[in-house]
Amino acid sequence: MLEELECYVFQVLQKIFGKVLTKILEQMDTEIAEAQDKRRFRLKERCDVHIDTMFGPLTIKNNNYQDRENGRYIALLEHYLAFNGRKGDGR
């Protein structure tokens, strides 16, 4: 019985922490959007990014930009956190 309760609490906390992490990442992306060099980066789209975390898989809304200096597309949140959110999400 105790082991079942522990598993249940662990699963509930994983979901809660996953939601908190999602909100934190989306807030960071919003702050990056407000602070980024608007002359260099042009907002192209806002799309879902799928991330595997220790809390389970998460989906966040992420801004994608076009770098006017080199024409490449970049997700600044992914750049600042040094992760590839597109990896493994079927894109």
N, C-alpha and C. Protein backbone atom coordinates (compact mmCIF):
# COMPACT_ATOMS: atom_id res chain seq x y z
N MET A 1 0.81 -1.19 0.00
CA MET A 1 0.00 0.00 0.00
C MET A 1 0.86 1.27 0.00
N LEU A 2 1.89 1.31 0.85
CA LEU A 2 2.76 2.49 0.90
C LEU A 2 3.47 2.67 -0.43
N GLU A 3 3.93 1.58 -1.03
CA GLU A 3 4.64 1.68 -2.30
C GLU A 3 3.71 2.22 -3.40
N GLU A 4 2.46 1.82 -3.40
CA GLU A 4 1.49 2.32 -4.37
C GLU A 4 1.25 3.82 -4.16
N LEU A 5 1.17 4.22 -2.91
CA LEU A 5 0.97 5.64 -2.59
C LEU A 5 2.17 6.46 -3.04
N GLU A 6 3.37 5.94 -2.79
CA GLU A 6 4.59 6.64 -3.23
C GLU A 6 4.61 6.79 -4.75
N CYS A 7 4.26 5.74 -5.47
CA CYS A 7 4.24 5.80 -6.93
C CYS A 7 3.22 6.83 -7.41
N TYR A 8 2.06 6.85 -6.78
CA TYR A 8 1.03 7.80 -7.15
C TYR A 8 1.50 9.24 -6.92
N VAL A 9 2.06 9.49 -5.74
CA VAL A 9 2.56 10.84 -5.42
C VAL A 9 3.65 11.24 -6.40
N PHE A 10 4.54 10.33 -6.72
CA PHE A 10 5.62 10.61 -7.67
C PHE A 10 5.06 10.98 -9.03
N GLN A 11 4.07 10.25 -9.52
CA GLN A 11 3.46 10.54 -10.82
C GLN A 11 2.76 11.90 -10.81
N VAL A 12 2.06 12.20 -9.73
CA VAL A 12 1.38 13.49 -9.62
C VAL A 12 2.40 14.63 -9.63
N LEU A 13 3.48 14.46 -8.87
CA LEU A 13 4.51 15.50 -8.82
C LEU A 13 5.21 15.67 -10.16
N GLN A 14 5.43 14.57 -10.88
CA GLN A 14 6.02 14.67 -12.22
C GLN A 14 5.14 15.55 -13.11
N LYS A 15 3.85 15.34 -13.08
CA LYS A 15 2.94 16.14 -13.91
C LYS A 15 2.96 17.60 -13.49
N ILE A 16 2.94 17.85 -12.19
CA ILE A 16 2.96 19.23 -11.69
C ILE A 16 4.26 19.91 -12.09
N PHE A 17 5.40 19.25 -11.86
CA PHE A 17 6.69 19.85 -12.22
C PHE A 17 6.80 20.04 -13.72
N GLY A 18 6.23 19.14 -14.51
CA GLY A 18 6.23 19.30 -15.97
C GLY A 18 5.46 20.55 -16.37
N LYS A 19 4.31 20.79 -15.75
CA LYS A 19 3.53 21.99 -16.04
C LYS A 19 4.28 23.25 -15.63
N VAL A 20 4.94 23.19 -14.48
CA VAL A 20 5.72 24.34 -14.01
C VAL A 20 6.88 24.62 -14.98
N LEU A 21 7.58 23.59 -15.38
CA LEU A 21 8.69 23.77 -16.31
C LEU A 21 8.20 24.34 -17.64
N THR A 22 7.06 23.87 -18.12
CA THR A 22 6.48 24.39 -19.35
C THR A 22 6.21 25.88 -19.23
N LYS A 23 5.60 26.29 -18.14
CA LYS A 23 5.30 27.72 -17.92
C LYS A 23 6.58 28.55 -17.83
N ILE A 24 7.59 28.01 -17.16
CA ILE A 24 8.87 28.73 -17.04
C ILE A 24 9.51 28.90 -18.41
N LEU A 25 9.54 27.85 -19.21
CA LEU A 25 10.15 27.94 -20.54
C LEU A 25 9.39 28.90 -21.44
N GLU A 26 8.07 28.86 -21.39
CA GLU A 26 7.29 29.78 -22.21
C GLU A 26 7.47 31.23 -21.75
N GLN A 27 7.60 31.45 -20.45
CA GLN A 27 7.85 32.79 -19.93
C GLN A 27 9.24 33.28 -20.36
N MET A 28 10.22 32.39 -20.31
CA MET A 28 11.56 32.75 -20.78
C MET A 28 11.52 33.14 -22.26
N ASP A 29 10.77 32.39 -23.06
CA ASP A 29 10.67 32.68 -24.49
C ASP A 29 10.03 34.05 -24.70
N THR A 30 9.04 34.38 -23.90
CA THR A 30 8.40 35.70 -23.98
C THR A 30 9.39 36.80 -23.63
N GLU A 31 10.18 36.60 -22.58
CA GLU A 31 11.17 37.59 -22.18
C GLU A 31 12.26 37.75 -23.24
N ILE A 32 12.66 36.65 -23.84
CA ILE A 32 13.65 36.71 -24.93
C ILE A 32 13.07 37.50 -26.10
N ALA A 33 11.80 37.26 -26.43
CA ALA A 33 11.15 37.97 -27.54
C ALA A 33 11.13 39.47 -27.30
N GLU A 34 10.90 39.89 -26.07
CA GLU A 34 10.86 41.31 -25.74
C GLU A 34 12.24 41.95 -25.78
N ALA A 35 13.28 41.17 -25.47
CA ALA A 35 14.63 41.73 -25.34
C ALA A 35 15.49 41.54 -26.59
N GLN A 36 15.07 40.71 -27.52
CA GLN A 36 15.92 40.39 -28.66
C GLN A 36 16.09 41.59 -29.59
N ASP A 37 17.13 41.55 -30.40
CA ASP A 37 17.45 42.61 -31.36
C ASP A 37 16.44 42.54 -32.51
N LYS A 38 15.46 43.41 -32.49
CA LYS A 38 14.38 43.37 -33.47
C LYS A 38 14.86 43.76 -34.87
N ARG A 39 15.97 44.45 -34.97
CA ARG A 39 16.52 44.76 -36.29
C ARG A 39 17.19 43.54 -36.91
N ARG A 40 17.73 42.67 -36.06
CA ARG A 40 18.41 41.48 -36.57
C ARG A 40 17.46 40.29 -36.74
N PHE A 41 16.59 40.07 -35.77
CA PHE A 41 15.73 38.89 -35.79
C PHE A 41 14.29 39.28 -36.09
N ARG A 42 13.71 38.60 -37.05
CA ARG A 42 12.31 38.84 -37.41
C ARG A 42 11.50 37.61 -37.00
N LEU A 43 10.44 37.85 -36.23
CA LEU A 43 9.58 36.75 -35.79
C LEU A 43 8.90 36.14 -37.00
N LYS A 44 9.05 34.84 -37.17
CA LYS A 44 8.45 34.15 -38.31
C LYS A 44 7.20 33.37 -37.91
N GLU A 45 7.28 32.64 -36.80
CA GLU A 45 6.16 31.81 -36.40
C GLU A 45 6.29 31.42 -34.93
N ARG A 46 5.19 30.98 -34.42
CA ARG A 46 5.15 30.43 -33.06
C ARG A 46 4.65 29.00 -33.23
N CYS A 47 5.44 28.04 -32.79
CA CYS A 47 5.05 26.65 -33.03
C CYS A 47 5.29 25.81 -31.77
N ASP A 48 4.74 24.62 -31.81
CA ASP A 48 4.92 23.68 -30.71
C ASP A 48 6.27 22.99 -30.84
N VAL A 49 6.95 22.86 -29.71
CA VAL A 49 8.21 22.13 -29.64
C VAL A 49 8.04 21.05 -28.60
N HIS A 50 8.44 19.84 -28.94
CA HIS A 50 8.30 18.70 -28.04
C HIS A 50 9.66 18.39 -27.41
N ILE A 51 9.65 18.27 -26.09
CA ILE A 51 10.89 18.06 -25.34
C ILE A 51 10.70 16.86 -24.42
N ASP A 52 11.67 15.98 -24.40
CA ASP A 52 11.68 14.90 -23.42
C ASP A 52 12.46 15.38 -22.20
N THR A 53 11.81 15.34 -21.04
CA THR A 53 12.45 15.79 -19.81
C THR A 53 12.35 14.70 -18.76
N MET A 54 13.00 14.90 -17.63
CA MET A 54 12.89 13.94 -16.54
C MET A 54 11.48 13.90 -15.95
N PHE A 55 10.67 14.90 -16.28
CA PHE A 55 9.28 14.95 -15.83
C PHE A 55 8.34 14.32 -16.84
N GLY A 56 8.89 13.85 -17.95
CA GLY A 56 8.10 13.29 -19.03
C GLY A 56 8.13 14.21 -20.24
N PRO A 57 7.48 13.83 -21.31
CA PRO A 57 7.48 14.67 -22.51
C PRO A 57 6.66 15.94 -22.29
N LEU A 58 7.19 17.07 -22.79
CA LEU A 58 6.50 18.35 -22.67
C LEU A 58 6.34 18.96 -24.06
N THR A 59 5.32 19.76 -24.22
CA THR A 59 5.12 20.54 -25.44
C THR A 59 5.03 22.00 -25.03
N ILE A 60 5.89 22.82 -25.64
CA ILE A 60 5.86 24.25 -25.34
C ILE A 60 5.63 25.02 -26.64
N LYS A 61 5.08 26.21 -26.50
CA LYS A 61 4.96 27.15 -27.62
C LYS A 61 6.27 27.92 -27.68
N ASN A 62 6.86 27.99 -28.87
CA ASN A 62 8.19 28.57 -29.01
C ASN A 62 8.21 29.51 -30.21
N ASN A 63 8.85 30.67 -30.04
CA ASN A 63 9.01 31.62 -31.14
C ASN A 63 10.19 31.21 -32.02
N ASN A 64 9.97 31.28 -33.33
CA ASN A 64 11.04 31.05 -34.29
C ASN A 64 11.28 32.34 -35.06
N TYR A 65 12.54 32.64 -35.29
CA TYR A 65 12.93 33.89 -35.92
C TYR A 65 13.76 33.63 -37.16
N GLN A 66 13.79 34.62 -38.04
CA GLN A 66 14.73 34.59 -39.14
C GLN A 66 15.82 35.61 -38.83
N ASP A 67 17.05 35.15 -38.90
CA ASP A 67 18.20 36.02 -38.67
C ASP A 67 18.42 36.80 -39.96
N ARG A 68 18.24 38.11 -39.90
CA ARG A 68 18.39 38.93 -41.11
C ARG A 68 19.82 39.01 -41.60
N GLU A 69 20.79 38.69 -40.74
CA GLU A 69 22.20 38.76 -41.16
C GLU A 69 22.60 37.59 -42.04
N ASN A 70 22.06 36.40 -41.75
CA ASN A 70 22.47 35.23 -42.53
C ASN A 70 21.31 34.47 -43.16
N GLY A 71 20.07 34.92 -42.90
CA GLY A 71 18.90 34.30 -43.49
C GLY A 71 18.44 33.01 -42.83
N ARG A 72 19.18 32.54 -41.86
CA ARG A 72 18.84 31.28 -41.19
C ARG A 72 17.71 31.48 -40.19
N TYR A 73 17.04 30.37 -39.92
CA TYR A 73 15.98 30.37 -38.91
C TYR A 73 16.55 29.90 -37.58
N ILE A 74 16.08 30.52 -36.51
CA ILE A 74 16.60 30.19 -35.18
C ILE A 74 15.49 30.32 -34.15
N ALA A 75 15.50 29.41 -33.21
CA ALA A 75 14.62 29.51 -32.04
C ALA A 75 15.53 30.00 -30.91
N LEU A 76 15.36 31.24 -30.50
CA LEU A 76 16.29 31.85 -29.54
C LEU A 76 16.26 31.15 -28.19
N LEU A 77 15.11 30.67 -27.75
CA LEU A 77 15.04 29.94 -26.48
C LEU A 77 15.95 28.72 -26.54
N GLU A 78 15.84 27.96 -27.61
CA GLU A 78 16.69 26.77 -27.76
C GLU A 78 18.16 27.16 -27.81
N HIS A 79 18.45 28.26 -28.49
CA HIS A 79 19.82 28.74 -28.58
C HIS A 79 20.37 29.09 -27.20
N TYR A 80 19.61 29.87 -26.42
CA TYR A 80 20.08 30.30 -25.10
C TYR A 80 20.20 29.14 -24.13
N LEU A 81 19.34 28.14 -24.24
CA LEU A 81 19.39 26.99 -23.33
C LEU A 81 20.26 25.85 -23.87
N ALA A 82 20.79 26.03 -25.08
CA ALA A 82 21.68 25.04 -25.71
C ALA A 82 21.03 23.66 -25.80
N PHE A 83 19.83 23.63 -26.37
CA PHE A 83 19.19 22.34 -26.64
C PHE A 83 18.51 22.41 -27.99
N ASN A 84 18.28 21.24 -28.56
CA ASN A 84 17.60 21.17 -29.85
C ASN A 84 16.21 20.64 -29.61
N GLY A 85 15.23 21.51 -29.49
CA GLY A 85 13.86 21.12 -29.22
C GLY A 85 13.21 20.37 -30.36
N ARG A 86 13.76 20.48 -31.55
CA ARG A 86 13.18 19.79 -32.69
C ARG A 86 13.60 18.32 -32.73
N LYS A 87 14.64 17.97 -32.04
CA LYS A 87 15.16 16.61 -32.10
C LYS A 87 14.11 15.63 -31.61
N GLY A 88 13.77 14.68 -32.44
CA GLY A 88 12.87 13.62 -32.05
C GLY A 88 11.40 13.97 -32.07
N ASP A 89 11.04 15.13 -32.61
CA ASP A 89 9.62 15.48 -32.58
C ASP A 89 8.96 15.33 -33.95
N GLY A 90 9.65 14.68 -34.87
CA GLY A 90 9.04 14.38 -36.15
C GLY A 90 9.10 15.49 -37.17
N ARG A 91 9.84 16.59 -36.88
CA ARG A 91 9.96 17.66 -37.87
C ARG A 91 11.26 17.52 -38.62
